[in-house]
C-alpha cells in the first residue's frame, strides 16, 4: 500500500511541476496549429506519463509504430485499466487526445493539459451532451488532431474484451479519417488486478494496419465495430481470432 501512495504522490509532484510548461503550452496553443506546435505541447504530458509508468516498474513494448499514417487518425483500442491512458501518452510517440469521461474534467492542471491536447469530455448519461461531444471530436479530427477512443465504454479489468459500441465510430466515419486499431495488454495488472494497489507489469501495445475510409465507408456502424473488435482481439493472449482472416480490408 505504501508503494501505491508513493506512486500517486510522485505523479502529483510531476503534475504540479508541469505548471511552468503549462503556461508556455497555453501560449503555443493560441498560435495557428502546426505539427511542430502540437508535438511541442505534447512533450510534457508524454514525459510525465513515461516517468510515472517507469516508476511503477513497468516495461512497455510497442510494435507497429511505422504503420501509423500521416495526419489525423482515430485510434480504436481495448480498455483494460486506468494506466491505458498513460501508456498511450508516453509511448505512442505522436500527439493524441482522448474521448474522456466527464469526471476527469474535475482534476485541476490535468484538465487544462487535456484541453491543450484537444481531448473531448463526454457525459454518457446525457444524450444531448454526448452528441455535442462527438461532434466536437469530429471537428478536432478534421482540424488534424488525432484522438483515441475505447469503444468498450468501460474498463475490462482483464484480458477479456467487452463488446465494442458502434456509436463512437462516427468520429471516424464523419471526419473521414483513417482508423488505427490498437491492442493493449497488461495494464490491468498495474492497478485493477490488486484492487487498486499499484504494481509493475509488462505491457504490450500492438498497432495494427490502418483502416482507410474507402475500406469502411460501405459498412454499417455495427459491422465496422465488429470487424475492429476482431482485429483488436486478435493480438490478445489466448485469442481464437486471426487478424489475417478478418473480413475488413486494411489498405
C-alpha atoms as a PDB file:
ATOM      1  CA  UNK A   1       0.000   0.000   0.000  1.00  0.00           C
ATOM      2  CA  UNK A   2       2.908   2.353   0.751  1.00  0.00           C
ATOM      3  CA  UNK A   3       4.182   1.848  -2.792  1.00  0.00           C
ATOM      4  CA  UNK A   4       0.784   2.850  -4.201  1.00  0.00           C
ATOM      5  CA  UNK A   5       0.726   6.010  -2.072  1.00  0.00           C
ATOM      6  CA  UNK A   6       4.261   6.840  -3.213  1.00  0.00           C
ATOM      7  CA  UNK A   7       3.320   6.432  -6.904  1.00  0.00           C
ATOM      8  CA  UNK A   8       0.292   8.732  -6.531  1.00  0.00           C
ATOM      9  CA  UNK A   9       2.419  11.270  -4.636  1.00  0.00           C
ATOM     10  CA  UNK A  10       5.153  11.123  -7.271  1.00  0.00           C
ATOM     11  CA  UNK A  11       2.587  11.576 -10.059  1.00  0.00           C
ATOM     12  CA  UNK A  12       1.073  14.563  -8.236  1.00  0.00           C
ATOM     13  CA  UNK A  13       4.506  16.167  -7.843  1.00  0.00           C
ATOM     14  CA  UNK A  14       5.196  15.733 -11.564  1.00  0.00           C
ATOM     15  CA  UNK A  15       1.823  17.240 -12.484  1.00  0.00           C
ATOM     16  CA  UNK A  16       2.350  20.245 -10.198  1.00  0.00           C
ATOM     17  CA  UNK A  17       5.867  20.579 -11.565  1.00  0.00           C
ATOM     18  CA  UNK A  18       4.442  20.895 -15.066  1.00  0.00           C
ATOM     19  CA  UNK A  19       2.856  24.293 -14.326  1.00  0.00           C
ATOM     20  CA  UNK A  20       5.692  26.270 -15.908  1.00  0.00           C
ATOM     21  CA  UNK A  21       5.493  24.167 -19.072  1.00  0.00           C
ATOM     22  CA  UNK A  22       1.719  24.555 -18.987  1.00  0.00           C
ATOM     23  CA  UNK A  23       1.949  28.327 -19.261  1.00  0.00           C
ATOM     24  CA  UNK A  24       4.274  28.001 -22.238  1.00  0.00           C
ATOM     25  CA  UNK A  25       1.948  25.424 -23.834  1.00  0.00           C
ATOM     26  CA  UNK A  26      -1.038  27.780 -23.458  1.00  0.00           C
ATOM     27  CA  UNK A  27       0.792  30.440 -25.464  1.00  0.00           C
ATOM     28  CA  UNK A  28       1.708  27.907 -28.141  1.00  0.00           C
ATOM     29  CA  UNK A  29      -1.908  26.722 -28.319  1.00  0.00           C
ATOM     30  CA  UNK A  30      -3.040  30.236 -29.227  1.00  0.00           C
ATOM     31  CA  UNK A  31      -0.905  30.136 -32.368  1.00  0.00           C
ATOM     32  CA  UNK A  32      -2.073  28.535 -35.649  1.00  0.00           C
ATOM     33  CA  UNK A  33      -1.827  24.776 -35.161  1.00  0.00           C
ATOM     34  CA  UNK A  34       1.084  23.027 -36.890  1.00  0.00           C
ATOM     35  CA  UNK A  35       2.651  19.606 -36.485  1.00  0.00           C
ATOM     36  CA  UNK A  36       5.631  21.156 -34.701  1.00  0.00           C
ATOM     37  CA  UNK A  37       3.463  23.087 -32.233  1.00  0.00           C
ATOM     38  CA  UNK A  38       1.328  20.014 -31.476  1.00  0.00           C
ATOM     39  CA  UNK A  39       4.478  17.990 -30.798  1.00  0.00           C
ATOM     40  CA  UNK A  40       5.931  20.691 -28.514  1.00  0.00           C
ATOM     41  CA  UNK A  41       2.717  20.910 -26.476  1.00  0.00           C
ATOM     42  CA  UNK A  42       2.603  17.124 -26.264  1.00  0.00           C
ATOM     43  CA  UNK A  43       6.163  16.770 -24.955  1.00  0.00           C
ATOM     44  CA  UNK A  44       5.362  17.424 -21.274  1.00  0.00           C
ATOM     45  CA  UNK A  45       2.352  15.045 -20.976  1.00  0.00           C
ATOM     46  CA  UNK A  46       4.455  12.449 -22.798  1.00  0.00           C
ATOM     47  CA  UNK A  47       7.418  12.836 -20.435  1.00  0.00           C
ATOM     48  CA  UNK A  48       5.288  12.837 -17.274  1.00  0.00           C
ATOM     49  CA  UNK A  49       3.475   9.688 -18.416  1.00  0.00           C
ATOM     50  CA  UNK A  50       6.740   7.909 -19.176  1.00  0.00           C
ATOM     51  CA  UNK A  51       8.165   8.791 -15.750  1.00  0.00           C
ATOM     52  CA  UNK A  52       5.087   7.576 -13.857  1.00  0.00           C
ATOM     53  CA  UNK A  53       4.971   4.282 -15.734  1.00  0.00           C
ATOM     54  CA  UNK A  54       8.696   3.737 -15.237  1.00  0.00           C
ATOM     55  CA  UNK A  55       8.326   4.431 -11.505  1.00  0.00           C
ATOM     56  CA  UNK A  56       5.830   1.571 -11.200  1.00  0.00           C
ATOM     57  CA  UNK A  57       8.457  -0.834 -12.543  1.00  0.00           C
ATOM     58  CA  UNK A  58       6.525  -1.393 -15.760  1.00  0.00           C
ATOM     59  CA  UNK A  59       8.044  -2.061 -19.174  1.00  0.00           C
ATOM     60  CA  UNK A  60       6.074  -1.041 -22.267  1.00  0.00           C
ATOM     61  CA  UNK A  61       6.813  -2.642 -25.639  1.00  0.00           C
ATOM     62  CA  UNK A  62       5.207  -1.117 -28.731  1.00  0.00           C
ATOM     63  CA  UNK A  63       5.121  -2.754 -32.147  1.00  0.00           C
ATOM     64  CA  UNK A  64       3.794  -1.305 -35.390  1.00  0.00           C
ATOM     65  CA  UNK A  65       4.590   2.409 -34.955  1.00  0.00           C
ATOM     66  CA  UNK A  66       5.605   2.502 -38.621  1.00  0.00           C
ATOM     67  CA  UNK A  67       2.043   1.612 -39.640  1.00  0.00           C
ATOM     68  CA  UNK A  68       0.565   4.907 -38.396  1.00  0.00           C
ATOM     69  CA  UNK A  69      -0.271   7.136 -41.396  1.00  0.00           C
ATOM     70  CA  UNK A  70       0.494  10.843 -41.506  1.00  0.00           C
ATOM     71  CA  UNK A  71      -2.233  13.263 -40.494  1.00  0.00           C
ATOM     72  CA  UNK A  72      -5.115  12.845 -38.086  1.00  0.00           C
ATOM     73  CA  UNK A  73      -6.273   9.322 -37.256  1.00  0.00           C
ATOM     74  CA  UNK A  74      -8.750   7.754 -34.867  1.00  0.00           C
ATOM     75  CA  UNK A  75      -7.074   5.154 -32.632  1.00  0.00           C
ATOM     76  CA  UNK A  76      -9.509   2.435 -31.560  1.00  0.00           C
ATOM     77  CA  UNK A  77      -8.307   0.366 -28.617  1.00  0.00           C
ATOM     78  CA  UNK A  78      -9.424  -2.009 -25.902  1.00  0.00           C
ATOM     79  CA  UNK A  79      -9.538  -0.641 -22.362  1.00  0.00           C
ATOM     80  CA  UNK A  80      -8.001  -2.816 -19.636  1.00  0.00           C
ATOM     81  CA  UNK A  81      -7.227  -0.258 -16.967  1.00  0.00           C
ATOM     82  CA  UNK A  82      -6.592   3.316 -15.900  1.00  0.00           C
ATOM     83  CA  UNK A  83      -2.952   3.116 -16.969  1.00  0.00           C
ATOM     84  CA  UNK A  84      -4.029   2.684 -20.622  1.00  0.00           C
ATOM     85  CA  UNK A  85      -4.083   6.473 -20.966  1.00  0.00           C
ATOM     86  CA  UNK A  86      -0.541   6.924 -19.627  1.00  0.00           C
ATOM     87  CA  UNK A  87       0.685   4.095 -21.851  1.00  0.00           C
ATOM     88  CA  UNK A  88      -0.741   5.841 -24.917  1.00  0.00           C
ATOM     89  CA  UNK A  89       0.536   9.277 -23.913  1.00  0.00           C
ATOM     90  CA  UNK A  90       4.001   8.058 -23.045  1.00  0.00           C
ATOM     91  CA  UNK A  91       4.708   5.507 -25.737  1.00  0.00           C
ATOM     92  CA  UNK A  92       2.707   6.177 -28.901  1.00  0.00           C
ATOM     93  CA  UNK A  93       5.252   8.825 -29.973  1.00  0.00           C
ATOM     94  CA  UNK A  94       2.638  11.017 -31.677  1.00  0.00           C
ATOM     95  CA  UNK A  95       0.395  13.753 -30.234  1.00  0.00           C
ATOM     96  CA  UNK A  96      -3.020  12.425 -29.246  1.00  0.00           C
ATOM     97  CA  UNK A  97      -6.125  13.415 -27.365  1.00  0.00           C
ATOM     98  CA  UNK A  98      -8.848  11.259 -25.849  1.00  0.00           C
ATOM     99  CA  UNK A  99     -12.585  10.971 -25.693  1.00  0.00           C
ATOM    100  CA  UNK A 100     -12.663  11.019 -21.896  1.00  0.00           C
ATOM    101  CA  UNK A 101     -15.391  10.703 -19.298  1.00  0.00           C
ATOM    102  CA  UNK A 102     -16.530  13.959 -17.725  1.00  0.00           C
ATOM    103  CA  UNK A 103     -15.157  13.108 -14.253  1.00  0.00           C
ATOM    104  CA  UNK A 104     -11.581  13.711 -15.456  1.00  0.00           C
ATOM    105  CA  UNK A 105     -12.545  17.307 -16.249  1.00  0.00           C
ATOM    106  CA  UNK A 106     -12.675  17.928 -12.480  1.00  0.00           C
ATOM    107  CA  UNK A 107      -8.947  17.319 -11.984  1.00  0.00           C
ATOM    108  CA  UNK A 108      -7.001  20.600 -11.754  1.00  0.00           C
ATOM    109  CA  UNK A 109      -3.972  21.051 -14.039  1.00  0.00           C
ATOM    110  CA  UNK A 110      -4.701  17.723 -15.747  1.00  0.00           C
ATOM    111  CA  UNK A 111      -7.926  19.055 -17.272  1.00  0.00           C
ATOM    112  CA  UNK A 112      -6.028  22.058 -18.661  1.00  0.00           C
ATOM    113  CA  UNK A 113      -3.403  19.817 -20.264  1.00  0.00           C
ATOM    114  CA  UNK A 114      -6.171  17.651 -21.727  1.00  0.00           C
ATOM    115  CA  UNK A 115      -7.798  20.722 -23.210  1.00  0.00           C
ATOM    116  CA  UNK A 116      -4.499  21.645 -24.876  1.00  0.00           C
ATOM    117  CA  UNK A 117      -4.329  18.104 -26.278  1.00  0.00           C
ATOM    118  CA  UNK A 118      -7.803  18.623 -27.774  1.00  0.00           C
ATOM    119  CA  UNK A 119      -9.401  15.968 -25.609  1.00  0.00           C
ATOM    120  CA  UNK A 120     -13.196  15.824 -25.528  1.00  0.00           C
ATOM    121  CA  UNK A 121     -15.117  15.209 -22.305  1.00  0.00           C
ATOM    122  CA  UNK A 122     -18.290  13.171 -22.584  1.00  0.00           C
ATOM    123  CA  UNK A 123     -21.227  12.541 -20.255  1.00  0.00           C
ATOM    124  CA  UNK A 124     -22.651   9.179 -21.269  1.00  0.00           C
ATOM    125  CA  UNK A 125     -25.730   9.778 -19.116  1.00  0.00           C
ATOM    126  CA  UNK A 126     -26.639  12.892 -21.090  1.00  0.00           C
ATOM    127  CA  UNK A 127     -27.503  12.001 -24.675  1.00  0.00           C
ATOM    128  CA  UNK A 128     -27.574  15.607 -25.893  1.00  0.00           C
ATOM    129  CA  UNK A 129     -24.166  16.359 -24.354  1.00  0.00           C
ATOM    130  CA  UNK A 130     -22.786  13.094 -25.749  1.00  0.00           C
ATOM    131  CA  UNK A 131     -23.830  14.063 -29.271  1.00  0.00           C
ATOM    132  CA  UNK A 132     -22.292  17.505 -28.798  1.00  0.00           C
ATOM    133  CA  UNK A 133     -19.039  15.893 -27.605  1.00  0.00           C
ATOM    134  CA  UNK A 134     -18.933  13.533 -30.590  1.00  0.00           C
ATOM    135  CA  UNK A 135     -19.442  16.468 -32.953  1.00  0.00           C
ATOM    136  CA  UNK A 136     -16.592  18.311 -31.211  1.00  0.00           C
ATOM    137  CA  UNK A 137     -14.418  15.236 -31.679  1.00  0.00           C
ATOM    138  CA  UNK A 138     -15.264  15.114 -35.384  1.00  0.00           C
ATOM    139  CA  UNK A 139     -14.293  18.773 -35.701  1.00  0.00           C
ATOM    140  CA  UNK A 140     -10.997  18.144 -33.883  1.00  0.00           C
ATOM    141  CA  UNK A 141     -10.140  15.286 -36.233  1.00  0.00           C
ATOM    142  CA  UNK A 142     -10.953  17.420 -39.254  1.00  0.00           C
ATOM    143  CA  UNK A 143      -8.556  20.056 -37.910  1.00  0.00           C
ATOM    144  CA  UNK A 144      -5.752  17.491 -37.775  1.00  0.00           C
ATOM    145  CA  UNK A 145      -5.853  16.367 -34.127  1.00  0.00           C
ATOM    146  CA  UNK A 146      -5.680  12.581 -33.605  1.00  0.00           C
ATOM    147  CA  UNK A 147      -7.921  11.023 -30.963  1.00  0.00           C
ATOM    148  CA  UNK A 148      -8.074   7.756 -29.011  1.00  0.00           C
ATOM    149  CA  UNK A 149     -11.358   6.047 -28.178  1.00  0.00           C
ATOM    150  CA  UNK A 150     -12.134   2.962 -26.111  1.00  0.00           C
ATOM    151  CA  UNK A 151     -15.325   1.566 -27.722  1.00  0.00           C
ATOM    152  CA  UNK A 152     -15.914  -0.898 -24.880  1.00  0.00           C
ATOM    153  CA  UNK A 153     -17.084   2.127 -22.897  1.00  0.00           C
ATOM    154  CA  UNK A 154     -15.568   0.898 -19.636  1.00  0.00           C
ATOM    155  CA  UNK A 155     -12.508  -0.916 -18.349  1.00  0.00           C
ATOM    156  CA  UNK A 156     -12.481  -4.678 -18.850  1.00  0.00           C
ATOM    157  CA  UNK A 157     -10.049  -5.010 -15.892  1.00  0.00           C
ATOM    158  CA  UNK A 158      -8.574  -8.083 -17.565  1.00  0.00           C
ATOM    159  CA  UNK A 159      -7.546  -9.590 -20.884  1.00  0.00           C
ATOM    160  CA  UNK A 160     -11.128 -10.312 -21.932  1.00  0.00           C
ATOM    161  CA  UNK A 161     -12.753  -7.958 -24.414  1.00  0.00           C
ATOM    162  CA  UNK A 162     -16.168  -6.366 -23.948  1.00  0.00           C
ATOM    163  CA  UNK A 163     -18.334  -5.694 -26.970  1.00  0.00           C
ATOM    164  CA  UNK A 164     -17.403  -2.595 -28.964  1.00  0.00           C
ATOM    165  CA  UNK A 165     -20.149   0.020 -29.058  1.00  0.00           C
ATOM    166  CA  UNK A 166     -20.560   1.392 -32.607  1.00  0.00           C
ATOM    167  CA  UNK A 167     -21.710   4.934 -31.729  1.00  0.00           C
ATOM    168  CA  UNK A 168     -18.242   6.368 -31.076  1.00  0.00           C
ATOM    169  CA  UNK A 169     -17.029   5.236 -34.503  1.00  0.00           C
ATOM    170  CA  UNK A 170     -18.995   8.114 -36.012  1.00  0.00           C
ATOM    171  CA  UNK A 171     -15.919  10.145 -35.151  1.00  0.00           C
ATOM    172  CA  UNK A 172     -14.030   8.465 -37.989  1.00  0.00           C
ATOM    173  CA  UNK A 173     -16.848   7.918 -40.446  1.00  0.00           C
ATOM    174  CA  UNK A 174     -17.981  11.552 -40.301  1.00  0.00           C
ATOM    175  CA  UNK A 175     -14.484  13.033 -40.256  1.00  0.00           C
ATOM    176  CA  UNK A 176     -13.358  10.553 -42.939  1.00  0.00           C
ATOM    177  CA  UNK A 177     -10.021   9.792 -41.303  1.00  0.00           C
ATOM    178  CA  UNK A 178      -8.097   6.504 -41.089  1.00  0.00           C
ATOM    179  CA  UNK A 179      -8.853   4.209 -38.164  1.00  0.00           C
ATOM    180  CA  UNK A 180      -5.856   2.625 -36.432  1.00  0.00           C
ATOM    181  CA  UNK A 181      -6.777  -0.385 -34.255  1.00  0.00           C
ATOM    182  CA  UNK A 182      -4.527  -0.845 -31.204  1.00  0.00           C
ATOM    183  CA  UNK A 183      -4.377  -3.808 -28.834  1.00  0.00           C
ATOM    184  CA  UNK A 184      -3.081  -3.029 -25.345  1.00  0.00           C
ATOM    185  CA  UNK A 185      -2.373  -5.777 -22.854  1.00  0.00           C
ATOM    186  CA  UNK A 186      -1.010  -5.904 -19.316  1.00  0.00           C
ATOM    187  CA  UNK A 187      -2.176  -2.543 -17.961  1.00  0.00           C
ATOM    188  CA  UNK A 188      -4.877  -4.152 -15.807  1.00  0.00           C
ATOM    189  CA  UNK A 189      -2.118  -5.844 -13.820  1.00  0.00           C
ATOM    190  CA  UNK A 190      -0.740  -2.420 -12.816  1.00  0.00           C
ATOM    191  CA  UNK A 191      -3.774  -1.431 -10.725  1.00  0.00           C
ATOM    192  CA  UNK A 192      -7.005  -3.355 -11.238  1.00  0.00           C
ATOM    193  CA  UNK A 193      -5.612  -6.850 -10.611  1.00  0.00           C
ATOM    194  CA  UNK A 194      -4.768  -5.982  -6.994  1.00  0.00           C
ATOM    195  CA  UNK A 195      -7.899  -3.924  -6.292  1.00  0.00           C
ATOM    196  CA  UNK A 196      -6.264  -0.544  -6.569  1.00  0.00           C
ATOM    197  CA  UNK A 197      -2.753  -1.412  -5.420  1.00  0.00           C
ATOM    198  CA  UNK A 198      -0.081  -0.403  -7.919  1.00  0.00           C
ATOM    199  CA  UNK A 199       2.435  -2.945  -9.147  1.00  0.00           C
ATOM    200  CA  UNK A 200       4.793  -3.339 -12.090  1.00  0.00           C
ATOM    201  CA  UNK A 201       3.799  -5.179 -15.240  1.00  0.00           C
ATOM    202  CA  UNK A 202       4.878  -5.963 -18.772  1.00  0.00           C
ATOM    203  CA  UNK A 203       2.663  -4.029 -21.160  1.00  0.00           C
ATOM    204  CA  UNK A 204       2.407  -4.588 -24.893  1.00  0.00           C
ATOM    205  CA  UNK A 205       0.840  -2.238 -27.418  1.00  0.00           C
ATOM    206  CA  UNK A 206       0.218  -3.731 -30.845  1.00  0.00           C
ATOM    207  CA  UNK A 207      -0.551  -1.230 -33.590  1.00  0.00           C
ATOM    208  CA  UNK A 208      -2.442  -2.872 -36.438  1.00  0.00           C
ATOM    209  CA  UNK A 209      -2.711  -1.869 -40.087  1.00  0.00           C
ATOM    210  CA  UNK A 210      -4.781   1.289 -40.577  1.00  0.00           C
ATOM    211  CA  UNK A 211      -8.290   1.031 -41.976  1.00  0.00           C
ATOM    212  CA  UNK A 212      -8.829   3.778 -44.540  1.00  0.00           C
ATOM    213  CA  UNK A 213     -12.169   5.452 -45.325  1.00  0.00           C
ATOM    214  CA  UNK A 214     -12.524   3.697 -48.679  1.00  0.00           C
ATOM    215  CA  UNK A 215     -12.386   0.375 -46.824  1.00  0.00           C
ATOM    216  CA  UNK A 216     -15.023   1.164 -44.196  1.00  0.00           C
ATOM    217  CA  UNK A 217     -17.394   3.638 -45.876  1.00  0.00           C
ATOM    218  CA  UNK A 218     -19.704   0.890 -47.168  1.00  0.00           C
ATOM    219  CA  UNK A 219     -20.027  -0.774 -43.763  1.00  0.00           C
ATOM    220  CA  UNK A 220     -22.763  -0.132 -41.227  1.00  0.00           C
ATOM    221  CA  UNK A 221     -21.571   1.098 -37.831  1.00  0.00           C
ATOM    222  CA  UNK A 222     -22.316  -2.238 -36.158  1.00  0.00           C
ATOM    223  CA  UNK A 223     -20.410  -4.117 -38.864  1.00  0.00           C
ATOM    224  CA  UNK A 224     -17.417  -1.813 -38.551  1.00  0.00           C
ATOM    225  CA  UNK A 225     -17.434  -2.163 -34.765  1.00  0.00           C
ATOM    226  CA  UNK A 226     -17.459  -5.961 -35.044  1.00  0.00           C
ATOM    227  CA  UNK A 227     -14.587  -6.008 -37.543  1.00  0.00           C
ATOM    228  CA  UNK A 228     -12.474  -3.647 -35.455  1.00  0.00           C
ATOM    229  CA  UNK A 229     -13.179  -5.653 -32.318  1.00  0.00           C
ATOM    230  CA  UNK A 230     -11.914  -8.795 -34.023  1.00  0.00           C
ATOM    231  CA  UNK A 231      -8.738  -7.040 -35.173  1.00  0.00           C
ATOM    232  CA  UNK A 232      -8.023  -5.771 -31.653  1.00  0.00           C
ATOM    233  CA  UNK A 233      -8.870  -9.138 -30.104  1.00  0.00           C
ATOM    234  CA  UNK A 234      -6.532 -10.986 -32.481  1.00  0.00           C
ATOM    235  CA  UNK A 235      -3.461  -9.774 -30.553  1.00  0.00           C
ATOM    236  CA  UNK A 236      -4.736 -10.672 -27.079  1.00  0.00           C
ATOM    237  CA  UNK A 237      -3.483 -13.807 -25.290  1.00  0.00           C
ATOM    238  CA  UNK A 238      -5.463 -16.973 -25.999  1.00  0.00           C
ATOM    239  CA  UNK A 239      -7.418 -15.252 -28.770  1.00  0.00           C
ATOM    240  CA  UNK A 240      -9.055 -17.538 -31.303  1.00  0.00           C
ATOM    241  CA  UNK A 241      -9.319 -14.694 -33.825  1.00  0.00           C
ATOM    242  CA  UNK A 242      -6.729 -14.476 -36.587  1.00  0.00           C
ATOM    243  CA  UNK A 243      -6.223 -10.936 -37.841  1.00  0.00           C
ATOM    244  CA  UNK A 244      -5.435 -12.193 -41.343  1.00  0.00           C
ATOM    245  CA  UNK A 245      -8.943 -13.684 -41.548  1.00  0.00           C
ATOM    246  CA  UNK A 246     -10.802 -10.523 -40.520  1.00  0.00           C
ATOM    247  CA  UNK A 247     -13.035  -9.512 -43.409  1.00  0.00           C
ATOM    248  CA  UNK A 248     -12.274  -5.777 -43.491  1.00  0.00           C
ATOM    249  CA  UNK A 249      -9.647  -4.610 -45.955  1.00  0.00           C
ATOM    250  CA  UNK A 250      -6.994  -2.512 -44.229  1.00  0.00           C
ATOM    251  CA  UNK A 251      -5.298  -0.975 -47.232  1.00  0.00           C
END
